[in-house]
Amino acid sequence: MEAFGRRYQVEDTHVPKLCLTGMPIIGKTLESPFYLPDHVPAATTISELLRTAPMRRLKTIGRVKVMARSGGLPLSMDS
């Protein structure tokens, strides 16, 4: 991604690292010189996020399994 960013002169050089390391979903919001600040208050508390984590993990695993089955073997193999 860094090579593509240089090749196509993408100004926001932080994006490749953020894609690899992830962006926080709780706490202080990331800021970028490319966007105007826009504070969005949290829709859930940290305790609610942690309480529902096991259920959300199982739902995510279930969705991945359904998508894998619907894609079939050719899509799951390296070309």
PDB file of N, CA and C in Angstrom:
ATOM      1  N   MET A   1       0.818  -1.190   0.000  1.00  0.00           N
ATOM      2  CA  MET A   1       0.000   0.000   0.000  1.00  0.00           C
ATOM      3  C   MET A   1       0.863   1.255   0.000  1.00  0.00           C
ATOM      4  N   GLU A   2       1.984   1.187   0.697  1.00  0.00           N
ATOM      5  CA  GLU A   2       2.872   2.353   0.715  1.00  0.00           C
ATOM      6  C   GLU A   2       3.398   2.646  -0.690  1.00  0.00           C
ATOM      7  N   ALA A   3       3.732   1.586  -1.444  1.00  0.00           N
ATOM      8  CA  ALA A   3       4.226   1.772  -2.811  1.00  0.00           C
ATOM      9  C   ALA A   3       3.149   2.397  -3.695  1.00  0.00           C
ATOM     10  N   PHE A   4       1.905   1.925  -3.557  1.00  0.00           N
ATOM     11  CA  PHE A   4       0.806   2.519  -4.332  1.00  0.00           C
ATOM     12  C   PHE A   4       0.598   3.977  -3.937  1.00  0.00           C
ATOM     13  N   GLY A   5       0.696   4.254  -2.641  1.00  0.00           N
ATOM     14  CA  GLY A   5       0.538   5.629  -2.168  1.00  0.00           C
ATOM     15  C   GLY A   5       1.559   6.558  -2.787  1.00  0.00           C
ATOM     16  N   ARG A   6       2.818   6.099  -2.843  1.00  0.00           N
ATOM     17  CA  ARG A   6       3.869   6.915  -3.475  1.00  0.00           C
ATOM     18  C   ARG A   6       3.625   7.040  -4.975  1.00  0.00           C
ATOM     19  N   ARG A   7       3.271   5.917  -5.597  1.00  0.00           N
ATOM     20  CA  ARG A   7       3.077   5.912  -7.049  1.00  0.00           C
ATOM     21  C   ARG A   7       1.950   6.849  -7.483  1.00  0.00           C
ATOM     22  N   TYR A   8       0.849   6.825  -6.721  1.00  0.00           N
ATOM     23  CA  TYR A   8      -0.312   7.637  -7.096  1.00  0.00           C
ATOM     24  C   TYR A   8      -0.425   8.913  -6.274  1.00  0.00           C
ATOM     25  N   GLN A   9       0.647   9.248  -5.573  1.00  0.00           N
ATOM     26  CA  GLN A   9       0.766  10.490  -4.817  1.00  0.00           C
ATOM     27  C   GLN A   9      -0.412  10.714  -3.857  1.00  0.00           C
ATOM     28  N   VAL A  10      -0.726   9.684  -3.087  1.00  0.00           N
ATOM     29  CA  VAL A  10      -1.764   9.800  -2.069  1.00  0.00           C
ATOM     30  C   VAL A  10      -1.186  10.628  -0.935  1.00  0.00           C
ATOM     31  N   GLU A  11      -1.889  11.698  -0.575  1.00  0.00           N
ATOM     32  CA  GLU A  11      -1.359  12.618   0.427  1.00  0.00           C
ATOM     33  C   GLU A  11      -1.353  12.047   1.833  1.00  0.00           C
ATOM     34  N   ASP A  12      -2.366  11.290   2.188  1.00  0.00           N
ATOM     35  CA  ASP A  12      -2.482  10.777   3.546  1.00  0.00           C
ATOM     36  C   ASP A  12      -1.601   9.534   3.697  1.00  0.00           C
ATOM     37  N   THR A  13      -0.360   9.727   4.109  1.00  0.00           N
ATOM     38  CA  THR A  13       0.611   8.635   4.192  1.00  0.00           C
ATOM     39  C   THR A  13       0.383   7.728   5.399  1.00  0.00           C
ATOM     40  N   HIS A  14      -0.531   8.077   6.295  1.00  0.00           N
ATOM     41  CA  HIS A  14      -0.785   7.259   7.486  1.00  0.00           C
ATOM     42  C   HIS A  14      -1.716   6.074   7.202  1.00  0.00           C
ATOM     43  N   VAL A  15      -2.423   6.102   6.102  1.00  0.00           N
ATOM     44  CA  VAL A  15      -3.434   5.080   5.821  1.00  0.00           C
ATOM     45  C   VAL A  15      -2.866   3.653   5.799  1.00  0.00           C
ATOM     46  N   PRO A  16      -1.751   3.377   5.114  1.00  0.00           N
ATOM     47  CA  PRO A  16      -1.260   1.981   5.103  1.00  0.00           C
ATOM     48  C   PRO A  16      -1.011   1.421   6.504  1.00  0.00           C
ATOM     49  N   LYS A  17      -0.384   2.214   7.372  1.00  0.00           N
ATOM     50  CA  LYS A  17      -0.111   1.724   8.726  1.00  0.00           C
ATOM     51  C   LYS A  17      -1.420   1.530   9.490  1.00  0.00           C
ATOM     52  N   LEU A  18      -2.373   2.441   9.329  1.00  0.00           N
ATOM     53  CA  LEU A  18      -3.657   2.299  10.021  1.00  0.00           C
ATOM     54  C   LEU A  18      -4.400   1.050   9.559  1.00  0.00           C
ATOM     55  N   CYS A  19      -4.274   0.706   8.289  1.00  0.00           N
ATOM     56  CA  CYS A  19      -4.927  -0.512   7.793  1.00  0.00           C
ATOM     57  C   CYS A  19      -4.310  -1.761   8.420  1.00  0.00           C
ATOM     58  N   LEU A  20      -3.013  -1.728   8.670  1.00  0.00           N
ATOM     59  CA  LEU A  20      -2.334  -2.872   9.276  1.00  0.00           C
ATOM     60  C   LEU A  20      -2.563  -2.960  10.782  1.00  0.00           C
ATOM     61  N   THR A  21      -2.548  -1.815  11.451  1.00  0.00           N
ATOM     62  CA  THR A  21      -2.618  -1.821  12.911  1.00  0.00           C
ATOM     63  C   THR A  21      -4.037  -1.637  13.432  1.00  0.00           C
ATOM     64  N   GLY A  22      -4.919  -1.134  12.604  1.00  0.00           N
ATOM     65  CA  GLY A  22      -6.295  -0.895  13.033  1.00  0.00           C
ATOM     66  C   GLY A  22      -6.465   0.494  13.616  1.00  0.00           C
ATOM     67  N   MET A  23      -7.698   0.889  13.716  1.00  0.00           N
ATOM     68  CA  MET A  23      -8.030   2.197  14.257  1.00  0.00           C
ATOM     69  C   MET A  23      -8.858   2.004  15.517  1.00  0.00           C
ATOM     70  N   PRO A  24      -8.661   2.850  16.510  1.00  0.00           N
ATOM     71  CA  PRO A  24      -9.381   2.667  17.758  1.00  0.00           C
ATOM     72  C   PRO A  24     -10.884   2.850  17.593  1.00  0.00           C
ATOM     73  N   ILE A  25     -11.639   2.033  18.306  1.00  0.00           N
ATOM     74  CA  ILE A  25     -13.093   2.186  18.262  1.00  0.00           C
ATOM     75  C   ILE A  25     -13.622   2.775  19.562  1.00  0.00           C
ATOM     76  N   ILE A  26     -12.721   2.927  20.539  1.00  0.00           N
ATOM     77  CA  ILE A  26     -13.093   3.601  21.778  1.00  0.00           C
ATOM     78  C   ILE A  26     -11.996   4.608  22.104  1.00  0.00           C
ATOM     79  N   GLY A  27     -12.315   5.580  22.925  1.00  0.00           N
ATOM     80  CA  GLY A  27     -11.325   6.585  23.304  1.00  0.00           C
ATOM     81  C   GLY A  27     -11.301   7.751  22.334  1.00  0.00           C
ATOM     82  N   LYS A  28     -10.187   8.451  22.316  1.00  0.00           N
ATOM     83  CA  LYS A  28     -10.046   9.655  21.492  1.00  0.00           C
ATOM     84  C   LYS A  28     -10.111   9.304  20.003  1.00  0.00           C
ATOM     85  N   THR A  29     -10.865  10.074  19.277  1.00  0.00           N
ATOM     86  CA  THR A  29     -11.026   9.878  17.842  1.00  0.00           C
ATOM     87  C   THR A  29      -9.765  10.303  17.100  1.00  0.00           C
ATOM     88  N   LEU A  30      -9.406   9.553  16.069  1.00  0.00           N
ATOM     89  CA  LEU A  30      -8.263   9.932  15.238  1.00  0.00           C
ATOM     90  C   LEU A  30      -8.564  11.250  14.535  1.00  0.00           C
ATOM     91  N   GLU A  31      -7.523  12.017  14.298  1.00  0.00           N
ATOM     92  CA  GLU A  31      -7.675  13.274  13.574  1.00  0.00           C
ATOM     93  C   GLU A  31      -6.822  13.218  12.321  1.00  0.00           C
ATOM     94  N   SER A  32      -7.246  13.922  11.297  1.00  0.00           N
ATOM     95  CA  SER A  32      -6.520  13.953  10.040  1.00  0.00           C
ATOM     96  C   SER A  32      -6.509  15.382   9.512  1.00  0.00           C
ATOM     97  N   PRO A  33      -5.384  15.811   8.952  1.00  0.00           N
ATOM     98  CA  PRO A  33      -5.351  17.150   8.363  1.00  0.00           C
ATOM     99  C   PRO A  33      -6.181  17.241   7.089  1.00  0.00           C
ATOM    100  N   PHE A  34      -6.701  16.113   6.612  1.00  0.00           N
ATOM    101  CA  PHE A  34      -7.447  16.092   5.363  1.00  0.00           C
ATOM    102  C   PHE A  34      -8.950  16.221   5.554  1.00  0.00           C
ATOM    103  N   TYR A  35      -9.408  16.172   6.808  1.00  0.00           N
ATOM    104  CA  TYR A  35     -10.843  16.256   7.093  1.00  0.00           C
ATOM    105  C   TYR A  35     -11.094  17.258   8.205  1.00  0.00           C
ATOM    106  N   LEU A  36     -12.240  17.882   8.167  1.00  0.00           N
ATOM    107  CA  LEU A  36     -12.630  18.786   9.239  1.00  0.00           C
ATOM    108  C   LEU A  36     -12.976  17.973  10.480  1.00  0.00           C
ATOM    109  N   PRO A  37     -12.670  18.502  11.653  1.00  0.00           N
ATOM    110  CA  PRO A  37     -13.027  17.768  12.880  1.00  0.00           C
ATOM    111  C   PRO A  37     -14.545  17.583  12.968  1.00  0.00           C
ATOM    112  N   ASP A  38     -14.962  16.420  13.350  1.00  0.00           N
ATOM    113  CA  ASP A  38     -16.391  16.134  13.461  1.00  0.00           C
ATOM    114  C   ASP A  38     -16.586  15.181  14.635  1.00  0.00           C
ATOM    115  N   HIS A  39     -16.908  15.730  15.791  1.00  0.00           N
ATOM    116  CA  HIS A  39     -17.075  14.914  16.987  1.00  0.00           C
ATOM    117  C   HIS A  39     -18.424  14.196  16.945  1.00  0.00           C
ATOM    118  N   VAL A  40     -18.382  12.893  17.064  1.00  0.00           N
ATOM    119  CA  VAL A  40     -19.599  12.082  17.130  1.00  0.00           C
ATOM    120  C   VAL A  40     -19.593  11.407  18.497  1.00  0.00           C
ATOM    121  N   PRO A  41     -20.560  11.705  19.346  1.00  0.00           N
ATOM    122  CA  PRO A  41     -20.557  11.082  20.665  1.00  0.00           C
ATOM    123  C   PRO A  41     -20.724   9.570  20.579  1.00  0.00           C
ATOM    124  N   ALA A  42     -20.147   8.875  21.549  1.00  0.00           N
ATOM    125  CA  ALA A  42     -20.218   7.418  21.572  1.00  0.00           C
ATOM    126  C   ALA A  42     -21.671   6.958  21.669  1.00  0.00           C
ATOM    127  N   ALA A  43     -21.989   5.911  20.921  1.00  0.00           N
ATOM    128  CA  ALA A  43     -23.342   5.352  20.944  1.00  0.00           C
ATOM    129  C   ALA A  43     -23.460   4.236  21.975  1.00  0.00           C
ATOM    130  N   THR A  44     -22.338   3.765  22.496  1.00  0.00           N
ATOM    131  CA  THR A  44     -22.336   2.698  23.489  1.00  0.00           C
ATOM    132  C   THR A  44     -21.225   2.945  24.504  1.00  0.00           C
ATOM    133  N   THR A  45     -21.347   2.364  25.646  1.00  0.00           N
ATOM    134  CA  THR A  45     -20.314   2.514  26.674  1.00  0.00           C
ATOM    135  C   THR A  45     -19.268   1.419  26.511  1.00  0.00           C
ATOM    136  N   ILE A  46     -18.116   1.628  27.130  1.00  0.00           N
ATOM    137  CA  ILE A  46     -17.063   0.616  27.075  1.00  0.00           C
ATOM    138  C   ILE A  46     -17.548  -0.673  27.734  1.00  0.00           C
ATOM    139  N   SER A  47     -18.267  -0.540  28.848  1.00  0.00           N
ATOM    140  CA  SER A  47     -18.747  -1.753  29.526  1.00  0.00           C
ATOM    141  C   SER A  47     -19.727  -2.529  28.648  1.00  0.00           C
ATOM    142  N   GLU A  48     -20.585  -1.823  27.911  1.00  0.00           N
ATOM    143  CA  GLU A  48     -21.519  -2.497  26.995  1.00  0.00           C
ATOM    144  C   GLU A  48     -20.749  -3.176  25.861  1.00  0.00           C
ATOM    145  N   LEU A  49     -19.743  -2.501  25.346  1.00  0.00           N
ATOM    146  CA  LEU A  49     -18.918  -3.061  24.272  1.00  0.00           C
ATOM    147  C   LEU A  49     -18.257  -4.360  24.732  1.00  0.00           C
ATOM    148  N   LEU A  50     -17.690  -4.342  25.932  1.00  0.00           N
ATOM    149  CA  LEU A  50     -17.034  -5.538  26.465  1.00  0.00           C
ATOM    150  C   LEU A  50     -18.043  -6.635  26.795  1.00  0.00           C
ATOM    151  N   ARG A  51     -19.201  -6.266  27.314  1.00  0.00           N
ATOM    152  CA  ARG A  51     -20.215  -7.247  27.682  1.00  0.00           C
ATOM    153  C   ARG A  51     -20.734  -8.004  26.464  1.00  0.00           C
ATOM    154  N   THR A  52     -20.867  -7.305  25.335  1.00  0.00           N
ATOM    155  CA  THR A  52     -21.440  -7.929  24.142  1.00  0.00           C
ATOM    156  C   THR A  52     -20.379  -8.533  23.214  1.00  0.00           C
ATOM    157  N   ALA A  53     -19.107  -8.396  23.556  1.00  0.00           N
ATOM    158  CA  ALA A  53     -18.024  -8.884  22.690  1.00  0.00           C
ATOM    159  C   ALA A  53     -18.125 -10.371  22.366  1.00  0.00           C
ATOM    160  N   PRO A  54     -18.350 -11.257  23.355  1.00  0.00           N
ATOM    161  CA  PRO A  54     -18.412 -12.690  23.016  1.00  0.00           C
ATOM    162  C   PRO A  54     -19.513 -13.001  21.990  1.00  0.00           C
ATOM    163  N   MET A  55     -20.681 -12.390  22.142  1.00  0.00           N
ATOM    164  CA  MET A  55     -21.784 -12.632  21.212  1.00  0.00           C
ATOM    165  C   MET A  55     -21.431 -12.110  19.809  1.00  0.00           C
ATOM    166  N   ARG A  56     -20.815 -10.922  19.776  1.00  0.00           N
ATOM    167  CA  ARG A  56     -20.464 -10.345  18.470  1.00  0.00           C
ATOM    168  C   ARG A  56     -19.398 -11.176  17.775  1.00  0.00           C
ATOM    169  N   ARG A  57     -18.466 -11.745  18.539  1.00  0.00           N
ATOM    170  CA  ARG A  57     -17.439 -12.620  17.944  1.00  0.00           C
ATOM    171  C   ARG A  57     -18.084 -13.838  17.285  1.00  0.00           C
ATOM    172  N   LEU A  58     -19.012 -14.468  17.997  1.00  0.00           N
ATOM    173  CA  LEU A  58     -19.683 -15.651  17.444  1.00  0.00           C
ATOM    174  C   LEU A  58     -20.470 -15.299  16.187  1.00  0.00           C
ATOM    175  N   LYS A  59     -21.154 -14.158  16.193  1.00  0.00           N
ATOM    176  CA  LYS A  59     -21.907 -13.739  15.005  1.00  0.00           C
ATOM    177  C   LYS A  59     -20.963 -13.482  13.830  1.00  0.00           C
ATOM    178  N   THR A  60     -19.806 -12.889  14.113  1.00  0.00           N
ATOM    179  CA  THR A  60     -18.837 -12.610  13.048  1.00  0.00           C
ATOM    180  C   THR A  60     -18.299 -13.911  12.464  1.00  0.00           C
ATOM    181  N   ILE A  61     -17.957 -14.853  13.321  1.00  0.00           N
ATOM    182  CA  ILE A  61     -17.472 -16.157  12.849  1.00  0.00           C
ATOM    183  C   ILE A  61     -18.548 -16.834  12.002  1.00  0.00           C
ATOM    184  N   GLY A  62     -19.793 -16.766  12.437  1.00  0.00           N
ATOM    185  CA  GLY A  62     -20.896 -17.348  11.666  1.00  0.00           C
ATOM    186  C   GLY A  62     -21.039 -16.717  10.292  1.00  0.00           C
ATOM    187  N   ARG A  63     -20.925 -15.387  10.235  1.00  0.00           N
ATOM    188  CA  ARG A  63     -21.022 -14.702   8.934  1.00  0.00           C
ATOM    189  C   ARG A  63     -19.885 -15.123   8.010  1.00  0.00           C
ATOM    190  N   VAL A  64     -18.678 -15.247   8.557  1.00  0.00           N
ATOM    191  CA  VAL A  64     -17.526 -15.654   7.737  1.00  0.00           C
ATOM    192  C   VAL A  64     -17.750 -17.063   7.192  1.00  0.00           C
ATOM    193  N   LYS A  65     -18.274 -17.965   8.022  1.00  0.00           N
ATOM    194  CA  LYS A  65     -18.526 -19.336   7.562  1.00  0.00           C
ATOM    195  C   LYS A  65     -19.559 -19.353   6.441  1.00  0.00           C
ATOM    196  N   VAL A  66     -20.632 -18.589   6.596  1.00  0.00           N
ATOM    197  CA  VAL A  66     -21.666 -18.528   5.555  1.00  0.00           C
ATOM    198  C   VAL A  66     -21.082 -17.978   4.261  1.00  0.00           C
ATOM    199  N   MET A  67     -20.301 -16.921   4.359  1.00  0.00           N
ATOM    200  CA  MET A  67     -19.696 -16.327   3.160  1.00  0.00           C
ATOM    201  C   MET A  67     -18.723 -17.308   2.504  1.00  0.00           C
ATOM    202  N   ALA A  68     -17.966 -18.040   3.315  1.00  0.00           N
ATOM    203  CA  ALA A  68     -17.010 -19.010   2.761  1.00  0.00           C
ATOM    204  C   ALA A  68     -17.738 -20.115   2.009  1.00  0.00           C
ATOM    205  N   ARG A  69     -18.835 -20.604   2.583  1.00  0.00           N
ATOM    206  CA  ARG A  69     -19.603 -21.671   1.905  1.00  0.00           C
ATOM    207  C   ARG A  69     -20.244 -21.154   0.622  1.00  0.00           C
ATOM    208  N   SER A  70     -20.749 -19.935   0.650  1.00  0.00           N
ATOM    209  CA  SER A  70     -21.433 -19.419  -0.538  1.00  0.00           C
ATOM    210  C   SER A  70     -20.450 -19.095  -1.661  1.00  0.00           C
ATOM    211  N   GLY A  71     -19.189 -18.815  -1.313  1.00  0.00           N
ATOM    212  CA  GLY A  71     -18.188 -18.492  -2.325  1.00  0.00           C
ATOM    213  C   GLY A  71     -17.686 -19.733  -3.053  1.00  0.00           C
ATOM    214  N   GLY A  72     -17.702 -20.854  -2.389  1.00  0.00           N
ATOM    215  CA  GLY A  72     -17.237 -22.085  -3.019  1.00  0.00           C
ATOM    216  C   GLY A  72     -15.727 -22.243  -2.963  1.00  0.00           C
ATOM    217  N   LEU A  73     -15.275 -23.401  -3.309  1.00  0.00           N
ATOM    218  CA  LEU A  73     -13.868 -23.762  -3.241  1.00  0.00           C
ATOM    219  C   LEU A  73     -12.968 -22.917  -4.152  1.00  0.00           C
ATOM    220  N   PRO A  74     -13.362 -22.648  -5.410  1.00  0.00           N
ATOM    221  CA  PRO A  74     -12.459 -21.878  -6.274  1.00  0.00           C
ATOM    222  C   PRO A  74     -12.079 -20.519  -5.694  1.00  0.00           C
ATOM    223  N   LEU A  75     -13.008 -19.860  -5.004  1.00  0.00           N
ATOM    224  CA  LEU A  75     -12.692 -18.546  -4.437  1.00  0.00           C
ATOM    225  C   LEU A  75     -11.792 -18.653  -3.209  1.00  0.00           C
ATOM    226  N   SER A  76     -11.786 -19.775  -2.542  1.00  0.00           N
ATOM    227  CA  SER A  76     -10.995 -19.914  -1.325  1.00  0.00           C
ATOM    228  C   SER A  76      -9.562 -20.354  -1.594  1.00  0.00           C
ATOM    229  N   MET A  77      -9.263 -20.732  -2.818  1.00  0.00           N
ATOM    230  CA  MET A  77      -7.918 -21.232  -3.141  1.00  0.00           C
ATOM    231  C   MET A  77      -7.088 -20.131  -3.778  1.00  0.00           C
ATOM    232  N   ASP A  78      -5.783 -20.152  -3.499  1.00  0.00           N
ATOM    233  CA  ASP A  78      -4.866 -19.203  -4.142  1.00  0.00           C
ATOM    234  C   ASP A  78      -4.740 -19.543  -5.615  1.00  0.00           C
ATOM    235  N   SER A  79      -4.658 -18.491  -6.434  1.00  0.00           N
ATOM    236  CA  SER A  79      -4.502 -18.750  -7.869  1.00  0.00           C
ATOM    237  C   SER A  79      -3.055 -18.794  -8.241  1.00  0.00           C
TER     238      SER A  79
END
